[in-house]
Amino acid sequence: DWLKQHSCREVCMESTGKYWIPVFNILETECNVCVANP
């Protein structure tokens, strides 16, 4: 909701362990999510 409110359409995060998965699952419909290999 915060990202949406601030018109943030691009998100980039590292894929560390399995911690990125729940974040990706929530953001994938609203943002263009780039998951980067550390």
Full PDB file with SEQRES, HELIX, SHEET, SSBOND, CRYST1, ORIGX, SCALE, CONECT and MASTER records, all heavy atoms in Angstrom:
SEQRES   1 A   38  ASP TRP LEU LYS GLN HIS SER CYS ARG GLU VAL CYS MET          
SEQRES   2 A   38  GLU SER THR GLY LYS TYR TRP ILE PRO VAL PHE ASN ILE          
SEQRES   3 A   38  LEU GLU THR GLU CYS ASN VAL CYS VAL ALA ASN PRO              
HELIX    1 AA1 TRP A    2  GLN A    5  1                                   4    
HELIX    2 AA2 TRP A   20  LEU A   27  1                                   8    
SHEET    1 AA1 2 GLU A  10  GLU A  14  0                                        
SHEET    2 AA1 2 ASN A  32  ALA A  36  1                                        
CRYST1    1.000    1.000    1.000  90.00  90.00  90.00 P 1           1          
ORIGX1      1.000000  0.000000  0.000000        0.00000                         
ORIGX2      0.000000  1.000000  0.000000        0.00000                         
ORIGX3      0.000000  0.000000  1.000000        0.00000                         
SCALE1      1.000000  0.000000  0.000000        0.00000                         
SCALE2      0.000000  1.000000  0.000000        0.00000                         
SCALE3      0.000000  0.000000  1.000000        0.00000                         
ATOM      1  N   ASP A   1       0.826  -1.206   0.000  1.00  0.00           N  
ATOM      2  CA  ASP A   1       0.000   0.000   0.000  1.00  0.00           C  
ATOM      3  C   ASP A   1       0.859   1.253   0.000  1.00  0.00           C  
ATOM      4  O   ASP A   1       0.538   2.235  -0.680  1.00  0.00           O  
ATOM      5  CB  ASP A   1      -0.942  -0.005   1.211  1.00  0.00           C  
ATOM      6  CG  ASP A   1      -1.948  -1.147   1.146  1.00  0.00           C  
ATOM      7  OD1 ASP A   1      -2.151  -1.701   0.042  1.00  0.00           O  
ATOM      8  OD2 ASP A   1      -2.518  -1.487   2.210  1.00  0.00           O  
ATOM      9  N   TRP A   2       1.959   1.225   0.759  1.00  0.00           N  
ATOM     10  CA  TRP A   2       2.856   2.384   0.812  1.00  0.00           C  
ATOM     11  C   TRP A   2       3.479   2.636  -0.559  1.00  0.00           C  
ATOM     12  O   TRP A   2       3.555   3.770  -1.021  1.00  0.00           O  
ATOM     13  CB  TRP A   2       3.942   2.147   1.862  1.00  0.00           C  
ATOM     14  CG  TRP A   2       4.841   3.329   2.069  1.00  0.00           C  
ATOM     15  CD1 TRP A   2       4.658   4.365   2.941  1.00  0.00           C  
ATOM     16  CD2 TRP A   2       6.072   3.596   1.391  1.00  0.00           C  
ATOM     17  NE1 TRP A   2       5.690   5.260   2.846  1.00  0.00           N  
ATOM     18  CE2 TRP A   2       6.581   4.813   1.897  1.00  0.00           C  
ATOM     19  CE3 TRP A   2       6.792   2.938   0.403  1.00  0.00           C  
ATOM     20  CZ2 TRP A   2       7.765   5.375   1.464  1.00  0.00           C  
ATOM     21  CZ3 TRP A   2       7.976   3.504  -0.029  1.00  0.00           C  
ATOM     22  CH2 TRP A   2       8.453   4.709   0.482  1.00  0.00           C  
ATOM     23  N   LEU A   3       3.939   1.572  -1.209  1.00  0.00           N  
ATOM     24  CA  LEU A   3       4.529   1.711  -2.545  1.00  0.00           C  
ATOM     25  C   LEU A   3       3.497   2.250  -3.537  1.00  0.00           C  
ATOM     26  O   LEU A   3       3.798   3.114  -4.362  1.00  0.00           O  
ATOM     27  CB  LEU A   3       5.089   0.371  -3.031  1.00  0.00           C  
ATOM     28  CG  LEU A   3       6.319  -0.148  -2.308  1.00  0.00           C  
ATOM     29  CD1 LEU A   3       6.605  -1.591  -2.706  1.00  0.00           C  
ATOM     30  CD2 LEU A   3       7.516   0.732  -2.573  1.00  0.00           C  
ATOM     31  N   LYS A   4       2.282   1.757  -3.446  1.00  0.00           N  
ATOM     32  CA  LYS A   4       1.196   2.196  -4.326  1.00  0.00           C  
ATOM     33  C   LYS A   4       0.887   3.682  -4.097  1.00  0.00           C  
ATOM     34  O   LYS A   4       0.721   4.453  -5.045  1.00  0.00           O  
ATOM     35  CB  LYS A   4      -0.036   1.343  -4.040  1.00  0.00           C  
ATOM     36  CG  LYS A   4      -1.014   1.220  -5.144  1.00  0.00           C  
ATOM     37  CD  LYS A   4      -2.081   0.229  -4.693  1.00  0.00           C  
ATOM     38  CE  LYS A   4      -3.038  -0.121  -5.778  1.00  0.00           C  
ATOM     39  NZ  LYS A   4      -4.086  -1.021  -5.309  1.00  0.00           N  
ATOM     40  N   GLN A   5       0.818   4.053  -2.837  1.00  0.00           N  
ATOM     41  CA  GLN A   5       0.524   5.435  -2.452  1.00  0.00           C  
ATOM     42  C   GLN A   5       1.580   6.396  -2.990  1.00  0.00           C  
ATOM     43  O   GLN A   5       1.284   7.517  -3.370  1.00  0.00           O  
ATOM     44  CB  GLN A   5       0.445   5.535  -0.924  1.00  0.00           C  
ATOM     45  CG  GLN A   5       0.147   6.902  -0.392  1.00  0.00           C  
ATOM     46  CD  GLN A   5       0.184   6.926   1.136  1.00  0.00           C  
ATOM     47  OE1 GLN A   5       0.442   5.908   1.779  1.00  0.00           O  
ATOM     48  NE2 GLN A   5      -0.060   8.076   1.700  1.00  0.00           N  
ATOM     49  N   HIS A   6       2.834   5.931  -3.063  1.00  0.00           N  
ATOM     50  CA  HIS A   6       3.935   6.775  -3.536  1.00  0.00           C  
ATOM     51  C   HIS A   6       4.256   6.531  -5.011  1.00  0.00           C  
ATOM     52  O   HIS A   6       5.323   6.896  -5.486  1.00  0.00           O  
ATOM     53  CB  HIS A   6       5.175   6.555  -2.661  1.00  0.00           C  
ATOM     54  CG  HIS A   6       5.025   7.146  -1.291  1.00  0.00           C  
ATOM     55  ND1 HIS A   6       4.419   6.454  -0.265  1.00  0.00           N  
ATOM     56  CD2 HIS A   6       5.350   8.362  -0.795  1.00  0.00           C  
ATOM     57  CE1 HIS A   6       4.398   7.204   0.817  1.00  0.00           C  
ATOM     58  NE2 HIS A   6       4.961   8.384   0.522  1.00  0.00           N  
ATOM     59  N   SER A   7       3.335   5.912  -5.719  1.00  0.00           N  
ATOM     60  CA  SER A   7       3.459   5.650  -7.161  1.00  0.00           C  
ATOM     61  C   SER A   7       4.757   4.937  -7.533  1.00  0.00           C  
ATOM     62  O   SER A   7       5.349   5.224  -8.572  1.00  0.00           O  
ATOM     63  CB  SER A   7       3.327   6.953  -7.951  1.00  0.00           C  
ATOM     64  OG  SER A   7       2.107   7.585  -7.674  1.00  0.00           O  
ATOM     65  N   CYS A   8       5.172   4.044  -6.684  1.00  0.00           N  
ATOM     66  CA  CYS A   8       6.397   3.285  -6.947  1.00  0.00           C  
ATOM     67  C   CYS A   8       6.026   2.016  -7.691  1.00  0.00           C  
ATOM     68  O   CYS A   8       5.358   1.138  -7.152  1.00  0.00           O  
ATOM     69  CB  CYS A   8       7.109   2.953  -5.636  1.00  0.00           C  
ATOM     70  SG  CYS A   8       8.651   2.079  -5.887  1.00  0.00           S  
ATOM     71  N   ARG A   9       6.414   1.932  -8.946  1.00  0.00           N  
ATOM     72  CA  ARG A   9       6.079   0.774  -9.781  1.00  0.00           C  
ATOM     73  C   ARG A   9       7.262  -0.184  -9.932  1.00  0.00           C  
ATOM     74  O   ARG A   9       7.097  -1.294 -10.383  1.00  0.00           O  
ATOM     75  CB  ARG A   9       5.623   1.231 -11.165  1.00  0.00           C  
ATOM     76  CG  ARG A   9       4.425   2.131 -11.167  1.00  0.00           C  
ATOM     77  CD  ARG A   9       3.102   1.449 -10.873  1.00  0.00           C  
ATOM     78  NE  ARG A   9       2.859   0.354 -11.788  1.00  0.00           N  
ATOM     79  CZ  ARG A   9       2.314  -0.797 -11.437  1.00  0.00           C  
ATOM     80  NH1 ARG A   9       1.940  -1.005 -10.211  1.00  0.00           N  
ATOM     81  NH2 ARG A   9       2.135  -1.753 -12.307  1.00  0.00           N  
ATOM     82  N   GLU A  10       8.460   0.253  -9.601  1.00  0.00           N  
ATOM     83  CA  GLU A  10       9.662  -0.567  -9.741  1.00  0.00           C  
ATOM     84  C   GLU A  10      10.194  -0.950  -8.365  1.00  0.00           C  
ATOM     85  O   GLU A  10      10.384  -0.085  -7.510  1.00  0.00           O  
ATOM     86  CB  GLU A  10      10.760   0.192 -10.490  1.00  0.00           C  
ATOM     87  CG  GLU A  10      10.443   0.503 -11.930  1.00  0.00           C  
ATOM     88  CD  GLU A  10      10.471  -0.729 -12.811  1.00  0.00           C  
ATOM     89  OE1 GLU A  10      11.319  -1.621 -12.581  1.00  0.00           O  
ATOM     90  OE2 GLU A  10       9.643  -0.810 -13.728  1.00  0.00           O  
ATOM     91  N   VAL A  11      10.419  -2.229  -8.182  1.00  0.00           N  
ATOM     92  CA  VAL A  11      10.999  -2.726  -6.926  1.00  0.00           C  
ATOM     93  C   VAL A  11      12.125  -3.670  -7.296  1.00  0.00           C  
ATOM     94  O   VAL A  11      11.994  -4.505  -8.187  1.00  0.00           O  
ATOM     95  CB  VAL A  11       9.938  -3.477  -6.079  1.00  0.00           C  
ATOM     96  CG1 VAL A  11      10.568  -4.126  -4.863  1.00  0.00           C  
ATOM     97  CG2 VAL A  11       8.812  -2.548  -5.675  1.00  0.00           C  
ATOM     98  N   CYS A  12      13.250  -3.525  -6.605  1.00  0.00           N  
ATOM     99  CA  CYS A  12      14.385  -4.403  -6.826  1.00  0.00           C  
ATOM    100  C   CYS A  12      14.836  -4.936  -5.470  1.00  0.00           C  
ATOM    101  O   CYS A  12      14.965  -4.165  -4.512  1.00  0.00           O  
ATOM    102  CB  CYS A  12      15.525  -3.643  -7.511  1.00  0.00           C  
ATOM    103  SG  CYS A  12      16.920  -4.698  -7.942  1.00  0.00           S  
ATOM    104  N   MET A  13      15.025  -6.226  -5.393  1.00  0.00           N  
ATOM    105  CA  MET A  13      15.475  -6.826  -4.128  1.00  0.00           C  
ATOM    106  C   MET A  13      16.363  -8.017  -4.405  1.00  0.00           C  
ATOM    107  O   MET A  13      16.318  -8.604  -5.486  1.00  0.00           O  
ATOM    108  CB  MET A  13      14.271  -7.235  -3.284  1.00  0.00           C  
ATOM    109  CG  MET A  13      13.392  -8.275  -3.908  1.00  0.00           C  
ATOM    110  SD  MET A  13      12.002  -8.615  -2.818  1.00  0.00           S  
ATOM    111  CE  MET A  13      10.978  -9.560  -3.889  1.00  0.00           C  
ATOM    112  N   GLU A  14      17.185  -8.327  -3.401  1.00  0.00           N  
ATOM    113  CA  GLU A  14      18.052  -9.499  -3.525  1.00  0.00           C  
ATOM    114  C   GLU A  14      17.272 -10.754  -3.159  1.00  0.00           C  
ATOM    115  O   GLU A  14      16.388 -10.725  -2.312  1.00  0.00           O  
ATOM    116  CB  GLU A  14      19.250  -9.371  -2.575  1.00  0.00           C  
ATOM    117  CG  GLU A  14      20.312  -8.441  -3.041  1.00  0.00           C  
ATOM    118  CD  GLU A  14      21.529  -8.452  -2.126  1.00  0.00           C  
ATOM    119  OE1 GLU A  14      21.446  -8.927  -0.981  1.00  0.00           O  
ATOM    120  OE2 GLU A  14      22.575  -7.982  -2.579  1.00  0.00           O  
ATOM    121  N   SER A  15      17.629 -11.840  -3.792  1.00  0.00           N  
ATOM    122  CA  SER A  15      17.003 -13.127  -3.462  1.00  0.00           C  
ATOM    123  C   SER A  15      17.858 -13.819  -2.418  1.00  0.00           C  
ATOM    124  O   SER A  15      18.710 -14.624  -2.730  1.00  0.00           O  
ATOM    125  CB  SER A  15      16.867 -13.995  -4.713  1.00  0.00           C  
ATOM    126  OG  SER A  15      18.138 -14.248  -5.272  1.00  0.00           O  
ATOM    127  N   THR A  16      17.626 -13.491  -1.172  1.00  0.00           N  
ATOM    128  CA  THR A  16      18.388 -14.066  -0.080  1.00  0.00           C  
ATOM    129  C   THR A  16      17.572 -15.179   0.558  1.00  0.00           C  
ATOM    130  O   THR A  16      16.502 -14.928   1.115  1.00  0.00           O  
ATOM    131  CB  THR A  16      18.715 -12.986   0.972  1.00  0.00           C  
ATOM    132  OG1 THR A  16      19.327 -11.887   0.311  1.00  0.00           O  
ATOM    133  CG2 THR A  16      19.652 -13.519   2.026  1.00  0.00           C  
ATOM    134  N   GLY A  17      18.068 -16.403   0.469  1.00  0.00           N  
ATOM    135  CA  GLY A  17      17.357 -17.541   1.038  1.00  0.00           C  
ATOM    136  C   GLY A  17      15.958 -17.639   0.474  1.00  0.00           C  
ATOM    137  O   GLY A  17      15.737 -17.557  -0.721  1.00  0.00           O  
ATOM    138  N   LYS A  18      14.988 -17.785   1.371  1.00  0.00           N  
ATOM    139  CA  LYS A  18      13.580 -17.816   0.965  1.00  0.00           C  
ATOM    140  C   LYS A  18      12.848 -16.574   1.454  1.00  0.00           C  
ATOM    141  O   LYS A  18      11.634 -16.461   1.305  1.00  0.00           O  
ATOM    142  CB  LYS A  18      12.902 -19.066   1.517  1.00  0.00           C  
ATOM    143  CG  LYS A  18      13.419 -20.333   0.901  1.00  0.00           C  
ATOM    144  CD  LYS A  18      12.394 -21.418   1.023  1.00  0.00           C  
ATOM    145  CE  LYS A  18      12.850 -22.654   0.313  1.00  0.00           C  
ATOM    146  NZ  LYS A  18      12.255 -22.836  -0.979  1.00  0.00           N  
ATOM    147  N   TYR A  19      13.590 -15.626   2.022  1.00  0.00           N  
ATOM    148  CA  TYR A  19      12.969 -14.435   2.612  1.00  0.00           C  
ATOM    149  C   TYR A  19      12.333 -13.517   1.575  1.00  0.00           C  
ATOM    150  O   TYR A  19      11.433 -12.758   1.877  1.00  0.00           O  
ATOM    151  CB  TYR A  19      13.999 -13.648   3.437  1.00  0.00           C  
ATOM    152  CG  TYR A  19      14.572 -14.458   4.567  1.00  0.00           C  
ATOM    153  CD1 TYR A  19      15.899 -14.853   4.568  1.00  0.00           C  
ATOM    154  CD2 TYR A  19      13.771 -14.860   5.635  1.00  0.00           C  
ATOM    155  CE1 TYR A  19      16.421 -15.619   5.603  1.00  0.00           C  
ATOM    156  CE2 TYR A  19      14.287 -15.624   6.666  1.00  0.00           C  
ATOM    157  CZ  TYR A  19      15.611 -15.986   6.642  1.00  0.00           C  
ATOM    158  OH  TYR A  19      16.108 -16.735   7.660  1.00  0.00           O  
ATOM    159  N   TRP A  20      12.787 -13.568   0.357  1.00  0.00           N  
ATOM    160  CA  TRP A  20      12.255 -12.700  -0.691  1.00  0.00           C  
ATOM    161  C   TRP A  20      10.902 -13.172  -1.209  1.00  0.00           C  
ATOM    162  O   TRP A  20      10.118 -12.378  -1.738  1.00  0.00           O  
ATOM    163  CB  TRP A  20      13.238 -12.616  -1.863  1.00  0.00           C  
ATOM    164  CG  TRP A  20      13.445 -13.928  -2.560  1.00  0.00           C  
ATOM    165  CD1 TRP A  20      14.334 -14.905  -2.236  1.00  0.00           C  
ATOM    166  CD2 TRP A  20      12.706 -14.426  -3.680  1.00  0.00           C  
ATOM    167  NE1 TRP A  20      14.216 -15.971  -3.088  1.00  0.00           N  
ATOM    168  CE2 TRP A  20      13.218 -15.706  -3.988  1.00  0.00           C  
ATOM    169  CE3 TRP A  20      11.677 -13.915  -4.472  1.00  0.00           C  
ATOM    170  CZ2 TRP A  20      12.734 -16.472  -5.038  1.00  0.00           C  
ATOM    171  CZ3 TRP A  20      11.200 -14.685  -5.518  1.00  0.00           C  
ATOM    172  CH2 TRP A  20      11.731 -15.950  -5.787  1.00  0.00           C  
ATOM    173  N   ILE A  21      10.576 -14.444  -1.040  1.00  0.00           N  
ATOM    174  CA  ILE A  21       9.385 -15.029  -1.660  1.00  0.00           C  
ATOM    175  C   ILE A  21       8.080 -14.390  -1.168  1.00  0.00           C  
ATOM    176  O   ILE A  21       7.244 -13.998  -1.990  1.00  0.00           O  
ATOM    177  CB  ILE A  21       9.369 -16.559  -1.507  1.00  0.00           C  
ATOM    178  CG1 ILE A  21      10.565 -17.155  -2.255  1.00  0.00           C  
ATOM    179  CG2 ILE A  21       8.067 -17.156  -2.023  1.00  0.00           C  
ATOM    180  CD1 ILE A  21      10.777 -18.638  -2.038  1.00  0.00           C  
ATOM    181  N   PRO A  22       7.849 -14.258   0.151  1.00  0.00           N  
ATOM    182  CA  PRO A  22       6.582 -13.646   0.566  1.00  0.00           C  
ATOM    183  C   PRO A  22       6.449 -12.192   0.098  1.00  0.00           C  
ATOM    184  O   PRO A  22       5.366 -11.750  -0.269  1.00  0.00           O  
ATOM    185  CB  PRO A  22       6.595 -13.724   2.090  1.00  0.00           C  
ATOM    186  CG  PRO A  22       7.892 -14.281   2.496  1.00  0.00           C  
ATOM    187  CD  PRO A  22       8.623 -14.743   1.287  1.00  0.00           C  
ATOM    188  N   VAL A  23       7.558 -11.473   0.080  1.00  0.00           N  
ATOM    189  CA  VAL A  23       7.531 -10.082  -0.395  1.00  0.00           C  
ATOM    190  C   VAL A  23       7.192 -10.065  -1.885  1.00  0.00           C  
ATOM    191  O   VAL A  23       6.335  -9.301  -2.333  1.00  0.00           O  
ATOM    192  CB  VAL A  23       8.886  -9.378  -0.133  1.00  0.00           C  
ATOM    193  CG1 VAL A  23       8.877  -7.955  -0.672  1.00  0.00           C  
ATOM    194  CG2 VAL A  23       9.219  -9.393   1.355  1.00  0.00           C  
ATOM    195  N   PHE A  24       7.841 -10.940  -2.643  1.00  0.00           N  
ATOM    196  CA  PHE A  24       7.570 -11.026  -4.081  1.00  0.00           C  
ATOM    197  C   PHE A  24       6.108 -11.375  -4.336  1.00  0.00           C  
ATOM    198  O   PHE A  24       5.450 -10.770  -5.194  1.00  0.00           O  
ATOM    199  CB  PHE A  24       8.483 -12.068  -4.733  1.00  0.00           C  
ATOM    200  CG  PHE A  24       8.243 -12.229  -6.205  1.00  0.00           C  
ATOM    201  CD1 PHE A  24       8.858 -11.378  -7.105  1.00  0.00           C  
ATOM    202  CD2 PHE A  24       7.389 -13.212  -6.679  1.00  0.00           C  
ATOM    203  CE1 PHE A  24       8.626 -11.512  -8.469  1.00  0.00           C  
ATOM    204  CE2 PHE A  24       7.160 -13.351  -8.036  1.00  0.00           C  
ATOM    205  CZ  PHE A  24       7.776 -12.495  -8.930  1.00  0.00           C  
ATOM    206  N   ASN A  25       5.576 -12.344  -3.589  1.00  0.00           N  
ATOM    207  CA  ASN A  25       4.186 -12.775  -3.784  1.00  0.00           C  
ATOM    208  C   ASN A  25       3.198 -11.628  -3.582  1.00  0.00           C  
ATOM    209  O   ASN A  25       2.187 -11.550  -4.277  1.00  0.00           O  
ATOM    210  CB  ASN A  25       3.840 -13.935  -2.853  1.00  0.00           C  
ATOM    211  CG  ASN A  25       4.516 -15.225  -3.262  1.00  0.00           C  
ATOM    212  OD1 ASN A  25       4.929 -15.391  -4.402  1.00  0.00           O  
ATOM    213  ND2 ASN A  25       4.638 -16.142  -2.327  1.00  0.00           N  
ATOM    214  N   ILE A  26       3.470 -10.753  -2.625  1.00  0.00           N  
ATOM    215  CA  ILE A  26       2.564  -9.640  -2.355  1.00  0.00           C  
ATOM    216  C   ILE A  26       2.721  -8.516  -3.386  1.00  0.00           C  
ATOM    217  O   ILE A  26       1.750  -7.897  -3.787  1.00  0.00           O  
ATOM    218  CB  ILE A  26       2.780  -9.117  -0.919  1.00  0.00           C  
ATOM    219  CG1 ILE A  26       2.198 -10.138   0.052  1.00  0.00           C  
ATOM    220  CG2 ILE A  26       2.141  -7.762  -0.712  1.00  0.00           C  
ATOM    221  CD1 ILE A  26       2.396  -9.843   1.490  1.00  0.00           C  
ATOM    222  N   LEU A  27       3.953  -8.302  -3.835  1.00  0.00           N  
ATOM    223  CA  LEU A  27       4.198  -7.167  -4.728  1.00  0.00           C  
ATOM    224  C   LEU A  27       4.038  -7.473  -6.217  1.00  0.00           C  
ATOM    225  O   LEU A  27       3.898  -6.570  -7.017  1.00  0.00           O  
ATOM    226  CB  LEU A  27       5.609  -6.615  -4.487  1.00  0.00           C  
ATOM    227  CG  LEU A  27       5.889  -6.053  -3.099  1.00  0.00           C  
ATOM    228  CD1 LEU A  27       7.325  -5.565  -3.021  1.00  0.00           C  
ATOM    229  CD2 LEU A  27       4.919  -4.943  -2.758  1.00  0.00           C  
ATOM    230  N   GLU A  28       4.060  -8.748  -6.606  1.00  0.00           N  
ATOM    231  CA  GLU A  28       4.105  -9.078  -8.031  1.00  0.00           C  
ATOM    232  C   GLU A  28       2.921  -8.559  -8.833  1.00  0.00           C  
ATOM    233  O   GLU A  28       3.056  -8.290 -10.020  1.00  0.00           O  
ATOM    234  CB  GLU A  28       4.288 -10.585  -8.244  1.00  0.00           C  
ATOM    235  CG  GLU A  28       3.071 -11.429  -8.000  1.00  0.00           C  
ATOM    236  CD  GLU A  28       3.309 -12.891  -8.329  1.00  0.00           C  
ATOM    237  OE1 GLU A  28       3.937 -13.194  -9.351  1.00  0.00           O  
ATOM    238  OE2 GLU A  28       2.848 -13.731  -7.536  1.00  0.00           O  
ATOM    239  N   THR A  29       1.757  -8.408  -8.207  1.00  0.00           N  
ATOM    240  CA  THR A  29       0.590  -7.936  -8.961  1.00  0.00           C  
ATOM    241  C   THR A  29       0.565  -6.421  -9.093  1.00  0.00           C  
ATOM    242  O   THR A  29      -0.066  -5.891 -10.002  1.00  0.00           O  
ATOM    243  CB  THR A  29      -0.718  -8.404  -8.291  1.00  0.00           C  
ATOM    244  OG1 THR A  29      -0.746  -7.922  -6.949  1.00  0.00           O  
ATOM    245  CG2 THR A  29      -0.834  -9.910  -8.317  1.00  0.00           C  
ATOM    246  N   GLU A  30       1.245  -5.717  -8.203  1.00  0.00           N  
ATOM    247  CA  GLU A  30       1.189  -4.249  -8.188  1.00  0.00           C  
ATOM    248  C   GLU A  30       2.424  -3.571  -8.773  1.00  0.00           C  
ATOM    249  O   GLU A  30       2.366  -2.433  -9.196  1.00  0.00           O  
ATOM    250  CB  GLU A  30       1.002  -3.751  -6.743  1.00  0.00           C  
ATOM    251  CG  GLU A  30      -0.259  -4.228  -6.084  1.00  0.00           C  
ATOM    252  CD  GLU A  30      -1.516  -3.632  -6.710  1.00  0.00           C  
ATOM    253  OE1 GLU A  30      -1.457  -2.501  -7.211  1.00  0.00           O  
ATOM    254  OE2 GLU A  30      -2.540  -4.329  -6.708  1.00  0.00           O  
ATOM    255  N   CYS A  31       3.552  -4.260  -8.744  1.00  0.00           N  
ATOM    256  CA  CYS A  31       4.818  -3.633  -9.134  1.00  0.00           C  
ATOM    257  C   CYS A  31       5.570  -4.513 -10.129  1.00  0.00           C  
ATOM    258  O   CYS A  31       5.326  -5.704 -10.235  1.00  0.00           O  
ATOM    259  CB  CYS A  31       5.720  -3.427  -7.909  1.00  0.00           C  
ATOM    260  SG  CYS A  31       5.003  -2.446  -6.612  1.00  0.00           S  
ATOM    261  N   ASN A  32       6.517  -3.905 -10.793  1.00  0.00           N  
ATOM    262  CA  ASN A  32       7.459  -4.652 -11.608  1.00  0.00           C  
ATOM    263  C   ASN A  32       8.610  -5.017 -10.672  1.00  0.00           C  
ATOM    264  O   ASN A  32       9.431  -4.170 -10.318  1.00  0.00           O  
ATOM    265  CB  ASN A  32       7.949  -3.795 -12.779  1.00  0.00           C  
ATOM    266  CG  ASN A  32       8.937  -4.539 -13.633  1.00  0.00           C  
ATOM    267  OD1 ASN A  32       8.964  -5.760 -13.655  1.00  0.00           O  
ATOM    268  ND2 ASN A  32       9.783  -3.797 -14.321  1.00  0.00           N  
ATOM    269  N   VAL A  33       8.653  -6.263 -10.248  1.00  0.00           N  
ATOM    270  CA  VAL A  33       9.617  -6.692  -9.234  1.00  0.00           C  
ATOM    271  C   VAL A  33      10.812  -7.349  -9.913  1.00  0.00           C  
ATOM    272  O   VAL A  33      10.672  -8.308 -10.655  1.00  0.00           O  
ATOM    273  CB  VAL A  33       8.981  -7.671  -8.225  1.00  0.00           C  
ATOM    274  CG1 VAL A  33       9.974  -8.040  -7.136  1.00  0.00           C  
ATOM    275  CG2 VAL A  33       7.725  -7.077  -7.614  1.00  0.00           C  
ATOM    276  N   CYS A  34      11.981  -6.794  -9.622  1.00  0.00           N  
ATOM    277  CA  CYS A  34      13.238  -7.357 -10.122  1.00  0.00           C  
ATOM    278  C   CYS A  34      13.892  -8.095  -8.955  1.00  0.00           C  
ATOM    279  O   CYS A  34      14.195  -7.494  -7.926  1.00  0.00           O  
ATOM    280  CB  CYS A  34      14.146  -6.234 -10.630  1.00  0.00           C  
ATOM    281  SG  CYS A  34      15.779  -6.805 -11.131  1.00  0.00           S  
ATOM    282  N   VAL A  35      14.062  -9.390  -9.111  1.00  0.00           N  
ATOM    283  CA  VAL A  35      14.707 -10.200  -8.068  1.00  0.00           C  
ATOM    284  C   VAL A  35      16.131 -10.470  -8.532  1.00  0.00           C  
ATOM    285  O   VAL A  35      16.351 -11.117  -9.548  1.00  0.00           O  
ATOM    286  CB  VAL A  35      13.941 -11.513  -7.826  1.00  0.00           C  
ATOM    287  CG1 VAL A  35      14.627 -12.334  -6.761  1.00  0.00           C  
ATOM    288  CG2 VAL A  35      12.496 -11.224  -7.430  1.00  0.00           C  
ATOM    289  N   ALA A  36      17.078  -9.945  -7.777  1.00  0.00           N  
ATOM    290  CA  ALA A  36      18.486 -10.026  -8.167  1.00  0.00           C  
ATOM    291  C   ALA A  36      19.216 -11.095  -7.374  1.00  0.00           C  
ATOM    292  O   ALA A  36      19.042 -11.220  -6.164  1.00  0.00           O  
ATOM    293  CB  ALA A  36      19.159  -8.678  -7.926  1.00  0.00           C  
ATOM    294  N   ASN A  37      20.038 -11.851  -8.071  1.00  0.00           N  
ATOM    295  CA  ASN A  37      20.915 -12.810  -7.413  1.00  0.00           C  
ATOM    296  C   ASN A  37      22.030 -12.008  -6.735  1.00  0.00           C  
ATOM    297  O   ASN A  37      22.714 -11.219  -7.385  1.00  0.00           O  
ATOM    298  CB  ASN A  37      21.499 -13.761  -8.459  1.00  0.00           C  
ATOM    299  CG  ASN A  37      22.286 -14.881  -7.846  1.00  0.00           C  
ATOM    300  OD1 ASN A  37      22.946 -14.709  -6.826  1.00  0.00           O  
ATOM    301  ND2 ASN A  37      22.252 -16.035  -8.474  1.00  0.00           N  
ATOM    302  N   PRO A  38      22.242 -12.189  -5.425  1.00  0.00           N  
ATOM    303  CA  PRO A  38      23.259 -11.407  -4.712  1.00  0.00           C  
ATOM    304  C   PRO A  38      24.654 -11.517  -5.334  1.00  0.00           C  
ATOM    305  O   PRO A  38      25.468 -10.604  -5.223  1.00  0.00           O  
ATOM    306  CB  PRO A  38      23.253 -11.995  -3.300  1.00  0.00           C  
ATOM    307  CG  PRO A  38      21.949 -12.679  -3.161  1.00  0.00           C  
ATOM    308  CD  PRO A  38      21.543 -13.105  -4.531  1.00  0.00           C  
TER     309      PRO A  38                                                      
MASTER        0    0    0    2    2    0    0    6  308    1    0    3          
END                                                                             
